[in-house]
Amino acid sequence: MPINNRTIPSLSGLILFEASSRLGTFSSAAEELCVTPTAVSKQIKQLENFLNTQLFIRKKNGLELTQKGKIYLETVSSTLLTLAEASQQMNDEQTPCALDLEIGTCFSHFWLIPRLDDFRDKHPDITLNININNQRNISKESQSDYHVAFYYGPVETVNKDHKLLFKERILLVCSPNFLSKRPTIQSLDTLWEIPLLGLKNAPNFWENWQSWAEKSGIEYQIPKNEIQMEDQVTVIHAALNGAGVAMAWDWQVDEFIKNGQLVALSSAIECDSNAFFLTHNETSNQQASKHFIHWVTELVTEQKKQNTV
């Protein structure tokens, strides 16, 4: 089927649209692409005229995508990534690109590593170097040691160009064997009397047993038998092995619940304060970073769809 060139806008306009959307201002896009802000503004206006729709709401403090702009950005970003990848594959002298990931143990252990083979199949030219950091403090000063970082933090402190992956949905889980020995815990009436699995030295903004109880409408009591662990991976493994009841985020334990290794004792509570994000270093290999973030977000979206069916 022949392509109607009159329905395709200029490539430079699409590149400037993606950069402006990602960076939030025409001046930032101009700086990244080595053109003038006036040239960016002019090409975006031409693109809007070509599409006969408004893509941005111009504000004093930056740009905001319209609803149609958000929809168009998804297609443009995906198309530009595909084009960039295909062009790179044409390079006979291409060498594998290394991408440094800085991620927490939970995201690495329960989500990323089980899916790494899929990424390798789709992007054989990108090598991932995984560095574990459970205390990532996202700031411009700390970007030099990673290309892409996964982190958990307060929603109000997050930059708008960071990609939200998982909202905070918390539930209680235990092993089937633990539940069979203590069937009364399903009502949660005896929760504070039984072995609970907690996190030692967690950040102040991290959800805990007390904050979970408040959000659940349950009177909090100091647990009589709480085992505190160094990290969340150990907490979940302890629950898998029947050591007690764990407080977990849904994306960490969904697969264990589906295959019967864990039992959900409560419905997931959605919290508004914190979430899990991906961000990238603006000076890193942009193409490789975008490929990885796009791959992750596609899988997360598919996972959420499956969980709602």
C-alpha atoms as a PDB file:
ATOM      1  CA  MET A   1       0.000   0.000   0.000  1.00  0.00           C
ATOM      2  CA  PRO A   2       1.556   3.326  -1.050  1.00  0.00           C
ATOM      3  CA  ILE A   3       2.193   5.890   1.682  1.00  0.00           C
ATOM      4  CA  ASN A   4       0.444   9.246   1.295  1.00  0.00           C
ATOM      5  CA  ASN A   5       3.264  11.668   2.034  1.00  0.00           C
ATOM      6  CA  ARG A   6       0.822  14.542   2.414  1.00  0.00           C
ATOM      7  CA  THR A   7      -0.483  12.998   5.663  1.00  0.00           C
ATOM      8  CA  ILE A   8       2.982  12.775   7.268  1.00  0.00           C
ATOM      9  CA  PRO A   9       4.435  15.856   9.001  1.00  0.00           C
ATOM     10  CA  SER A  10       8.117  16.764   8.857  1.00  0.00           C
ATOM     11  CA  LEU A  11      10.490  14.545  10.850  1.00  0.00           C
ATOM     12  CA  SER A  12      12.194  17.566  12.422  1.00  0.00           C
ATOM     13  CA  GLY A  13       8.815  18.776  13.693  1.00  0.00           C
ATOM     14  CA  LEU A  14       8.131  15.406  15.310  1.00  0.00           C
ATOM     15  CA  ILE A  15      11.579  15.351  16.957  1.00  0.00           C
ATOM     16  CA  LEU A  16      11.054  18.852  18.338  1.00  0.00           C
ATOM     17  CA  PHE A  17       7.566  17.893  19.554  1.00  0.00           C
ATOM     18  CA  GLU A  18       8.932  14.874  21.451  1.00  0.00           C
ATOM     19  CA  ALA A  19      11.763  16.879  23.005  1.00  0.00           C
ATOM     20  CA  SER A  20       9.470  19.752  24.011  1.00  0.00           C
ATOM     21  CA  SER A  21       6.994  17.307  25.586  1.00  0.00           C
ATOM     22  CA  ARG A  22       9.716  15.512  27.512  1.00  0.00           C
ATOM     23  CA  LEU A  23      11.601  18.602  28.693  1.00  0.00           C
ATOM     24  CA  GLY A  24       8.617  20.872  29.316  1.00  0.00           C
ATOM     25  CA  THR A  25       9.815  24.042  27.550  1.00  0.00           C
ATOM     26  CA  PHE A  26      10.751  25.124  24.038  1.00  0.00           C
ATOM     27  CA  SER A  27      14.027  26.588  25.349  1.00  0.00           C
ATOM     28  CA  SER A  28      15.077  23.246  26.904  1.00  0.00           C
ATOM     29  CA  ALA A  29      14.247  21.417  23.677  1.00  0.00           C
ATOM     30  CA  ALA A  30      16.199  24.035  21.716  1.00  0.00           C
ATOM     31  CA  GLU A  31      19.236  23.607  23.969  1.00  0.00           C
ATOM     32  CA  GLU A  32      19.164  19.804  23.651  1.00  0.00           C
ATOM     33  CA  LEU A  33      18.811  19.893  19.854  1.00  0.00           C
ATOM     34  CA  CYS A  34      21.141  22.866  19.258  1.00  0.00           C
ATOM     35  CA  VAL A  35      18.573  25.182  17.645  1.00  0.00           C
ATOM     36  CA  THR A  36      16.948  28.427  18.780  1.00  0.00           C
ATOM     37  CA  PRO A  37      13.786  28.550  20.920  1.00  0.00           C
ATOM     38  CA  THR A  38      12.167  30.624  18.166  1.00  0.00           C
ATOM     39  CA  ALA A  39      12.819  27.860  15.644  1.00  0.00           C
ATOM     40  CA  VAL A  40      11.311  25.275  17.981  1.00  0.00           C
ATOM     41  CA  SER A  41       8.216  27.391  18.613  1.00  0.00           C
ATOM     42  CA  LYS A  42       7.781  28.011  14.900  1.00  0.00           C
ATOM     43  CA  GLN A  43       8.047  24.327  13.954  1.00  0.00           C
ATOM     44  CA  ILE A  44       5.648  23.261  16.711  1.00  0.00           C
ATOM     45  CA  LYS A  45       3.141  25.811  15.436  1.00  0.00           C
ATOM     46  CA  GLN A  46       3.586  24.456  11.909  1.00  0.00           C
ATOM     47  CA  LEU A  47       3.016  20.930  13.214  1.00  0.00           C
ATOM     48  CA  GLU A  48      -0.163  22.023  15.002  1.00  0.00           C
ATOM     49  CA  ASN A  49      -1.394  23.717  11.803  1.00  0.00           C
ATOM     50  CA  PHE A  50      -0.567  20.576   9.813  1.00  0.00           C
ATOM     51  CA  LEU A  51      -2.540  18.405  12.269  1.00  0.00           C
ATOM     52  CA  ASN A  52      -5.261  21.052  12.652  1.00  0.00           C
ATOM     53  CA  THR A  53      -5.194  20.664  16.442  1.00  0.00           C
ATOM     54  CA  GLN A  54      -3.495  22.188  19.481  1.00  0.00           C
ATOM     55  CA  LEU A  55      -0.766  20.009  20.997  1.00  0.00           C
ATOM     56  CA  PHE A  56       0.400  22.251  23.851  1.00  0.00           C
ATOM     57  CA  ILE A  57      -1.127  24.658  26.328  1.00  0.00           C
ATOM     58  CA  ARG A  58       1.454  27.427  26.658  1.00  0.00           C
ATOM     59  CA  LYS A  59       1.901  28.544  30.263  1.00  0.00           C
ATOM     60  CA  LYS A  60       4.255  31.001  31.951  1.00  0.00           C
ATOM     61  CA  ASN A  61       6.119  28.205  33.717  1.00  0.00           C
ATOM     62  CA  GLY A  62       6.286  25.812  30.749  1.00  0.00           C
ATOM     63  CA  LEU A  63       4.255  23.588  28.480  1.00  0.00           C
ATOM     64  CA  GLU A  64       1.336  21.298  29.176  1.00  0.00           C
ATOM     65  CA  LEU A  65       0.185  18.701  26.661  1.00  0.00           C
ATOM     66  CA  THR A  66      -3.440  18.787  25.591  1.00  0.00           C
ATOM     67  CA  GLN A  67      -5.360  15.509  25.683  1.00  0.00           C
ATOM     68  CA  LYS A  68      -4.813  15.051  21.938  1.00  0.00           C
ATOM     69  CA  GLY A  69      -1.172  16.002  22.451  1.00  0.00           C
ATOM     70  CA  LYS A  70      -0.758  13.211  25.019  1.00  0.00           C
ATOM     71  CA  ILE A  71      -2.263  10.659  22.636  1.00  0.00           C
ATOM     72  CA  TYR A  72      -0.119  11.859  19.729  1.00  0.00           C
ATOM     73  CA  LEU A  73       3.041  11.808  21.875  1.00  0.00           C
ATOM     74  CA  GLU A  74       2.643   8.077  22.542  1.00  0.00           C
ATOM     75  CA  THR A  75       2.581   7.341  18.810  1.00  0.00           C
ATOM     76  CA  VAL A  76       5.378   9.784  17.966  1.00  0.00           C
ATOM     77  CA  SER A  77       7.693   8.485  20.718  1.00  0.00           C
ATOM     78  CA  SER A  78       7.139   4.863  19.708  1.00  0.00           C
ATOM     79  CA  THR A  79       7.659   5.654  16.024  1.00  0.00           C
ATOM     80  CA  LEU A  80      10.845   7.651  16.604  1.00  0.00           C
ATOM     81  CA  LEU A  81      12.263   4.849  18.756  1.00  0.00           C
ATOM     82  CA  THR A  82      11.500   2.287  16.052  1.00  0.00           C
ATOM     83  CA  LEU A  83      13.080   4.491  13.383  1.00  0.00           C
ATOM     84  CA  ALA A  84      16.168   5.163  15.511  1.00  0.00           C
ATOM     85  CA  GLU A  85      16.617   1.469  16.240  1.00  0.00           C
ATOM     86  CA  ALA A  86      16.232   0.464  12.603  1.00  0.00           C
ATOM     87  CA  SER A  87      18.706   3.148  11.533  1.00  0.00           C
ATOM     88  CA  GLN A  88      21.233   2.055  14.148  1.00  0.00           C
ATOM     89  CA  GLN A  89      20.980  -1.548  12.966  1.00  0.00           C
ATOM     90  CA  MET A  90      22.063  -0.392   9.501  1.00  0.00           C
ATOM     91  CA  ASN A  91      25.434   0.661  10.930  1.00  0.00           C
ATOM     92  CA  ASP A  92      27.958  -2.057  10.018  1.00  0.00           C
ATOM     93  CA  GLU A  93      30.362  -0.741  12.678  1.00  0.00           C
ATOM     94  CA  GLN A  94      27.816  -0.674  15.489  1.00  0.00           C
ATOM     95  CA  THR A  95      29.049  -1.944  18.852  1.00  0.00           C
ATOM     96  CA  PRO A  96      26.829  -3.015  21.770  1.00  0.00           C
ATOM     97  CA  CYS A  97      25.660  -0.108  23.914  1.00  0.00           C
ATOM     98  CA  ALA A  98      26.038  -0.390  27.705  1.00  0.00           C
ATOM     99  CA  LEU A  99      23.235   0.994  29.865  1.00  0.00           C
ATOM    100  CA  ASP A 100      23.889   1.487  33.592  1.00  0.00           C
ATOM    101  CA  LEU A 101      20.787   0.809  35.689  1.00  0.00           C
ATOM    102  CA  GLU A 102      20.492   1.845  39.308  1.00  0.00           C
ATOM    103  CA  ILE A 103      17.595   0.016  40.917  1.00  0.00           C
ATOM    104  CA  GLY A 104      16.381  -1.337  44.233  1.00  0.00           C
ATOM    105  CA  THR A 105      16.568  -4.992  45.173  1.00  0.00           C
ATOM    106  CA  CYS A 106      12.798  -5.493  44.912  1.00  0.00           C
ATOM    107  CA  PHE A 107      12.459  -4.130  41.381  1.00  0.00           C
ATOM    108  CA  SER A 108      15.500  -6.118  40.332  1.00  0.00           C
ATOM    109  CA  HIS A 109      14.554  -9.367  42.046  1.00  0.00           C
ATOM    110  CA  PHE A 110      10.781  -9.550  41.613  1.00  0.00           C
ATOM    111  CA  TRP A 111      10.181  -7.660  38.359  1.00  0.00           C
ATOM    112  CA  LEU A 112      13.211  -6.981  36.157  1.00  0.00           C
ATOM    113  CA  ILE A 113      15.345 -10.136  36.301  1.00  0.00           C
ATOM    114  CA  PRO A 114      12.453 -12.531  35.467  1.00  0.00           C
ATOM    115  CA  ARG A 115      11.873 -10.470  32.286  1.00  0.00           C
ATOM    116  CA  LEU A 116      15.458  -9.790  31.197  1.00  0.00           C
ATOM    117  CA  ASP A 117      15.420 -12.424  28.481  1.00  0.00           C
ATOM    118  CA  ASP A 118      12.562 -10.603  26.776  1.00  0.00           C
ATOM    119  CA  PHE A 119      14.565  -7.364  26.752  1.00  0.00           C
ATOM    120  CA  ARG A 120      17.597  -9.192  25.378  1.00  0.00           C
ATOM    121  CA  ASP A 121      15.494 -10.642  22.546  1.00  0.00           C
ATOM    122  CA  LYS A 122      14.095  -7.233  21.605  1.00  0.00           C
ATOM    123  CA  HIS A 123      17.287  -5.190  22.105  1.00  0.00           C
ATOM    124  CA  PRO A 124      20.321  -7.436  21.592  1.00  0.00           C
ATOM    125  CA  ASP A 125      22.479  -4.356  20.946  1.00  0.00           C
ATOM    126  CA  ILE A 126      22.006  -3.015  24.502  1.00  0.00           C
ATOM    127  CA  THR A 127      23.947  -4.461  27.431  1.00  0.00           C
ATOM    128  CA  LEU A 128      22.509  -3.813  30.895  1.00  0.00           C
ATOM    129  CA  ASN A 129      24.749  -3.173  33.902  1.00  0.00           C
ATOM    130  CA  ILE A 130      22.653  -3.535  37.056  1.00  0.00           C
ATOM    131  CA  ASN A 131      23.682  -1.652  40.202  1.00  0.00           C
ATOM    132  CA  ILE A 132      21.660  -2.060  43.401  1.00  0.00           C
ATOM    133  CA  ASN A 133      20.854   1.049  45.428  1.00  0.00           C
ATOM    134  CA  ASN A 134      17.904   1.044  47.824  1.00  0.00           C
ATOM    135  CA  GLN A 135      18.548   4.620  48.977  1.00  0.00           C
ATOM    136  CA  ARG A 136      18.454   6.491  45.664  1.00  0.00           C
ATOM    137  CA  ASN A 137      18.009  10.243  46.171  1.00  0.00           C
ATOM    138  CA  ILE A 138      16.993  11.631  42.808  1.00  0.00           C
ATOM    139  CA  SER A 139      18.720  14.934  42.098  1.00  0.00           C
ATOM    140  CA  LYS A 140      20.685  16.507  39.276  1.00  0.00           C
ATOM    141  CA  GLU A 141      23.842  16.252  41.384  1.00  0.00           C
ATOM    142  CA  SER A 142      23.521  12.460  41.637  1.00  0.00           C
ATOM    143  CA  GLN A 143      22.782  11.666  37.991  1.00  0.00           C
ATOM    144  CA  SER A 144      26.362  11.017  36.942  1.00  0.00           C
ATOM    145  CA  ASP A 145      26.441   7.458  38.276  1.00  0.00           C
ATOM    146  CA  TYR A 146      23.462   6.034  36.380  1.00  0.00           C
ATOM    147  CA  HIS A 147      21.790   6.124  32.976  1.00  0.00           C
ATOM    148  CA  VAL A 148      18.379   4.914  34.189  1.00  0.00           C
ATOM    149  CA  ALA A 149      17.246   4.741  37.815  1.00  0.00           C
ATOM    150  CA  PHE A 150      14.221   3.109  39.441  1.00  0.00           C
ATOM    151  CA  TYR A 151      13.198   4.633  42.755  1.00  0.00           C
ATOM    152  CA  TYR A 152      10.454   4.982  45.349  1.00  0.00           C
ATOM    153  CA  GLY A 153       9.601   8.409  46.638  1.00  0.00           C
ATOM    154  CA  PRO A 154       7.005  11.027  47.587  1.00  0.00           C
ATOM    155  CA  VAL A 155       4.861  12.030  44.600  1.00  0.00           C
ATOM    156  CA  GLU A 156       5.125  15.732  45.448  1.00  0.00           C
ATOM    157  CA  THR A 157       8.923  15.738  45.030  1.00  0.00           C
ATOM    158  CA  VAL A 158       8.980  14.081  41.608  1.00  0.00           C
ATOM    159  CA  ASN A 159       9.919  15.952  38.425  1.00  0.00           C
ATOM    160  CA  LYS A 160       7.230  15.806  35.779  1.00  0.00           C
ATOM    161  CA  ASP A 161       9.481  14.063  33.251  1.00  0.00           C
ATOM    162  CA  HIS A 162       9.969  11.059  35.546  1.00  0.00           C
ATOM    163  CA  LYS A 163       7.908   8.039  34.510  1.00  0.00           C
ATOM    164  CA  LEU A 164       5.438   6.734  37.073  1.00  0.00           C
ATOM    165  CA  LEU A 165       5.436   2.931  36.962  1.00  0.00           C
ATOM    166  CA  PHE A 166       3.550   1.703  40.004  1.00  0.00           C
ATOM    167  CA  LYS A 167       1.197   3.600  42.252  1.00  0.00           C
ATOM    168  CA  GLU A 168       1.444   2.540  45.854  1.00  0.00           C
ATOM    169  CA  ARG A 169      -0.985  -0.339  46.391  1.00  0.00           C
ATOM    170  CA  ILE A 170      -0.362  -2.201  49.648  1.00  0.00           C
ATOM    171  CA  LEU A 171      -1.757  -5.517  50.852  1.00  0.00           C
ATOM    172  CA  LEU A 172      -0.986  -8.174  53.460  1.00  0.00           C
ATOM    173  CA  VAL A 173       0.235 -11.616  52.410  1.00  0.00           C
ATOM    174  CA  CYS A 174       1.362 -14.877  53.972  1.00  0.00           C
ATOM    175  CA  SER A 175       2.089 -18.410  52.840  1.00  0.00           C
ATOM    176  CA  PRO A 176      -0.765 -20.984  52.545  1.00  0.00           C
ATOM    177  CA  ASN A 177       0.973 -23.117  55.190  1.00  0.00           C
ATOM    178  CA  PHE A 178       1.147 -20.182  57.633  1.00  0.00           C
ATOM    179  CA  LEU A 179      -2.552 -19.490  57.056  1.00  0.00           C
ATOM    180  CA  SER A 180      -3.545 -23.141  57.541  1.00  0.00           C
ATOM    181  CA  LYS A 181      -1.951 -23.086  61.000  1.00  0.00           C
ATOM    182  CA  ARG A 182      -3.646 -19.782  61.920  1.00  0.00           C
ATOM    183  CA  PRO A 183      -6.954 -19.642  59.995  1.00  0.00           C
ATOM    184  CA  THR A 184      -8.368 -16.956  62.295  1.00  0.00           C
ATOM    185  CA  ILE A 185      -5.988 -14.324  60.892  1.00  0.00           C
ATOM    186  CA  GLN A 186      -8.170 -13.981  57.781  1.00  0.00           C
ATOM    187  CA  SER A 187     -10.445 -11.688  59.805  1.00  0.00           C
ATOM    188  CA  LEU A 188      -7.378  -9.632  60.898  1.00  0.00           C
ATOM    189  CA  ASP A 189      -8.828  -9.494  64.443  1.00  0.00           C
ATOM    190  CA  THR A 190      -5.715 -11.166  65.852  1.00  0.00           C
ATOM    191  CA  LEU A 191      -3.229  -9.435  63.516  1.00  0.00           C
ATOM    192  CA  TRP A 192      -1.174  -7.774  66.266  1.00  0.00           C
ATOM    193  CA  GLU A 193      -0.874 -11.061  68.165  1.00  0.00           C
ATOM    194  CA  ILE A 194       0.749 -13.099  65.375  1.00  0.00           C
ATOM    195  CA  PRO A 195       4.252 -12.992  63.806  1.00  0.00           C
ATOM    196  CA  LEU A 196       4.589  -9.957  61.550  1.00  0.00           C
ATOM    197  CA  LEU A 197       7.440  -9.200  59.164  1.00  0.00           C
ATOM    198  CA  GLY A 198       8.711  -5.624  59.217  1.00  0.00           C
ATOM    199  CA  LEU A 199      11.383  -3.463  57.664  1.00  0.00           C
ATOM    200  CA  LYS A 200      14.239  -2.146  59.801  1.00  0.00           C
ATOM    201  CA  ASN A 201      15.425   1.465  59.460  1.00  0.00           C
ATOM    202  CA  ALA A 202      12.925   2.342  56.718  1.00  0.00           C
ATOM    203  CA  PRO A 203      12.789   5.987  55.491  1.00  0.00           C
ATOM    204  CA  ASN A 204      10.257   8.224  57.248  1.00  0.00           C
ATOM    205  CA  PHE A 205       8.016   8.443  54.165  1.00  0.00           C
ATOM    206  CA  TRP A 206       7.924   4.634  53.761  1.00  0.00           C
ATOM    207  CA  GLU A 207       4.573   3.018  54.563  1.00  0.00           C
ATOM    208  CA  ASN A 208       4.621   0.913  57.742  1.00  0.00           C
ATOM    209  CA  TRP A 209       2.283  -1.132  59.912  1.00  0.00           C
ATOM    210  CA  GLN A 210       0.917   1.929  61.675  1.00  0.00           C
ATOM    211  CA  SER A 211       0.219   3.903  58.485  1.00  0.00           C
ATOM    212  CA  TRP A 212      -1.333   0.796  56.887  1.00  0.00           C
ATOM    213  CA  ALA A 213      -3.638   0.359  59.905  1.00  0.00           C
ATOM    214  CA  GLU A 214      -4.739   4.007  59.730  1.00  0.00           C
ATOM    215  CA  LYS A 215      -5.545   3.741  56.012  1.00  0.00           C
ATOM    216  CA  SER A 216      -7.373   0.435  56.593  1.00  0.00           C
ATOM    217  CA  GLY A 217      -9.528   1.772  59.409  1.00  0.00           C
ATOM    218  CA  ILE A 218      -8.018  -0.705  61.878  1.00  0.00           C
ATOM    219  CA  GLU A 219      -6.887   0.270  65.347  1.00  0.00           C
ATOM    220  CA  TYR A 220      -3.096   0.048  65.472  1.00  0.00           C
ATOM    221  CA  GLN A 221      -1.379  -1.851  68.271  1.00  0.00           C
ATOM    222  CA  ILE A 222       2.306  -2.406  68.803  1.00  0.00           C
ATOM    223  CA  PRO A 223       2.958  -5.884  67.331  1.00  0.00           C
ATOM    224  CA  LYS A 224       3.784  -8.458  69.985  1.00  0.00           C
ATOM    225  CA  ASN A 225       5.924 -10.535  67.642  1.00  0.00           C
ATOM    226  CA  GLU A 226       7.558  -8.575  64.820  1.00  0.00           C
ATOM    227  CA  ILE A 227      10.634  -9.784  62.975  1.00  0.00           C
ATOM    228  CA  GLN A 228      12.469  -6.864  61.365  1.00  0.00           C
ATOM    229  CA  MET A 229      14.448  -7.384  58.151  1.00  0.00           C
ATOM    230  CA  GLU A 230      17.118  -5.375  56.351  1.00  0.00           C
ATOM    231  CA  ASP A 231      15.215  -5.095  53.047  1.00  0.00           C
ATOM    232  CA  GLN A 232      11.864  -5.822  51.399  1.00  0.00           C
ATOM    233  CA  VAL A 233      13.187  -8.783  49.400  1.00  0.00           C
ATOM    234  CA  THR A 234      14.007 -10.567  52.656  1.00  0.00           C
ATOM    235  CA  VAL A 235      10.569  -9.686  54.031  1.00  0.00           C
ATOM    236  CA  ILE A 236       8.816 -11.301  51.060  1.00  0.00           C
ATOM    237  CA  HIS A 237      11.077 -14.365  51.091  1.00  0.00           C
ATOM    238  CA  ALA A 238      10.339 -14.773  54.782  1.00  0.00           C
ATOM    239  CA  ALA A 239       6.612 -14.696  54.009  1.00  0.00           C
ATOM    240  CA  LEU A 240       7.087 -17.261  51.230  1.00  0.00           C
ATOM    241  CA  ASN A 241       8.762 -19.554  53.745  1.00  0.00           C
ATOM    242  CA  GLY A 242       5.991 -19.269  56.342  1.00  0.00           C
ATOM    243  CA  ALA A 243       7.752 -16.935  58.794  1.00  0.00           C
ATOM    244  CA  GLY A 244       4.852 -14.511  59.189  1.00  0.00           C
ATOM    245  CA  VAL A 245       2.572 -11.918  57.594  1.00  0.00           C
ATOM    246  CA  ALA A 246       4.198  -9.363  55.305  1.00  0.00           C
ATOM    247  CA  MET A 247       3.055  -5.966  54.109  1.00  0.00           C
ATOM    248  CA  ALA A 248       3.840  -5.834  50.390  1.00  0.00           C
ATOM    249  CA  TRP A 249       3.217  -3.809  47.257  1.00  0.00           C
ATOM    250  CA  ASP A 250       0.971  -5.541  44.721  1.00  0.00           C
ATOM    251  CA  TRP A 251       3.516  -5.595  41.855  1.00  0.00           C
ATOM    252  CA  GLN A 252       6.004  -7.391  44.123  1.00  0.00           C
ATOM    253  CA  VAL A 253       3.701 -10.307  44.963  1.00  0.00           C
ATOM    254  CA  ASP A 254       1.142 -10.568  42.122  1.00  0.00           C
ATOM    255  CA  GLU A 255       2.879 -13.569  40.532  1.00  0.00           C
ATOM    256  CA  PHE A 256       3.286 -15.356  43.888  1.00  0.00           C
ATOM    257  CA  ILE A 257      -0.429 -14.933  44.594  1.00  0.00           C
ATOM    258  CA  LYS A 258      -1.369 -16.179  41.115  1.00  0.00           C
ATOM    259  CA  ASN A 259       0.724 -19.338  41.434  1.00  0.00           C
ATOM    260  CA  GLY A 260      -0.444 -20.044  44.989  1.00  0.00           C
ATOM    261  CA  GLN A 261       2.819 -19.388  46.831  1.00  0.00           C
ATOM    262  CA  LEU A 262       1.260 -16.524  48.767  1.00  0.00           C
ATOM    263  CA  VAL A 263      -2.264 -15.741  49.943  1.00  0.00           C
ATOM    264  CA  ALA A 264      -3.676 -12.195  50.057  1.00  0.00           C
ATOM    265  CA  LEU A 265      -5.127 -11.499  53.516  1.00  0.00           C
ATOM    266  CA  SER A 266      -6.426  -8.060  52.580  1.00  0.00           C
ATOM    267  CA  SER A 267      -7.487  -6.058  49.555  1.00  0.00           C
ATOM    268  CA  ALA A 268      -4.894  -3.705  48.110  1.00  0.00           C
ATOM    269  CA  ILE A 269      -5.085  -0.175  49.542  1.00  0.00           C
ATOM    270  CA  GLU A 270      -4.078   2.582  47.136  1.00  0.00           C
ATOM    271  CA  CYS A 271      -2.075   5.371  48.752  1.00  0.00           C
ATOM    272  CA  ASP A 272      -1.597   8.829  47.233  1.00  0.00           C
ATOM    273  CA  SER A 273       1.611   9.990  48.908  1.00  0.00           C
ATOM    274  CA  ASN A 274       4.310   7.789  47.331  1.00  0.00           C
ATOM    275  CA  ALA A 275       4.910   5.836  44.122  1.00  0.00           C
ATOM    276  CA  PHE A 276       7.593   4.017  42.117  1.00  0.00           C
ATOM    277  CA  PHE A 277       9.286   5.844  39.231  1.00  0.00           C
ATOM    278  CA  LEU A 278      11.823   5.539  36.442  1.00  0.00           C
ATOM    279  CA  THR A 279      14.088   8.406  35.480  1.00  0.00           C
ATOM    280  CA  HIS A 280      17.038   8.778  33.128  1.00  0.00           C
ATOM    281  CA  ASN A 281      20.216  10.813  33.110  1.00  0.00           C
ATOM    282  CA  GLU A 282      19.829  13.587  30.540  1.00  0.00           C
ATOM    283  CA  THR A 283      23.472  13.219  29.462  1.00  0.00           C
ATOM    284  CA  SER A 284      23.306   9.433  28.970  1.00  0.00           C
ATOM    285  CA  ASN A 285      22.727   7.502  25.751  1.00  0.00           C
ATOM    286  CA  GLN A 286      19.226   8.838  25.116  1.00  0.00           C
ATOM    287  CA  GLN A 287      18.262   6.182  22.591  1.00  0.00           C
ATOM    288  CA  ALA A 288      19.220   3.255  24.822  1.00  0.00           C
ATOM    289  CA  SER A 289      17.560   4.861  27.852  1.00  0.00           C
ATOM    290  CA  LYS A 290      14.351   5.476  25.920  1.00  0.00           C
ATOM    291  CA  HIS A 291      14.334   1.910  24.622  1.00  0.00           C
ATOM    292  CA  PHE A 292      14.620   0.536  28.147  1.00  0.00           C
ATOM    293  CA  ILE A 293      12.006   2.858  29.658  1.00  0.00           C
ATOM    294  CA  HIS A 294       9.629   2.202  26.750  1.00  0.00           C
ATOM    295  CA  TRP A 295      10.072  -1.563  27.167  1.00  0.00           C
ATOM    296  CA  VAL A 296       9.422  -1.375  30.924  1.00  0.00           C
ATOM    297  CA  THR A 297       6.355   0.852  30.615  1.00  0.00           C
ATOM    298  CA  GLU A 298       4.828  -1.354  27.918  1.00  0.00           C
ATOM    299  CA  LEU A 299       5.182  -4.447  30.115  1.00  0.00           C
ATOM    300  CA  VAL A 300       3.847  -2.607  33.172  1.00  0.00           C
ATOM    301  CA  THR A 301       0.807  -1.445  31.177  1.00  0.00           C
ATOM    302  CA  GLU A 302       0.170  -4.985  29.945  1.00  0.00           C
ATOM    303  CA  GLN A 303       0.581  -6.352  33.471  1.00  0.00           C
ATOM    304  CA  LYS A 304      -1.985  -3.876  34.812  1.00  0.00           C
ATOM    305  CA  LYS A 305      -4.453  -4.836  32.078  1.00  0.00           C
ATOM    306  CA  GLN A 306      -4.094  -8.529  32.928  1.00  0.00           C
ATOM    307  CA  ASN A 307      -4.645  -7.814  36.632  1.00  0.00           C
ATOM    308  CA  THR A 308      -7.928  -5.993  35.916  1.00  0.00           C
ATOM    309  CA  VAL A 309      -9.369  -8.794  33.782  1.00  0.00           C
END
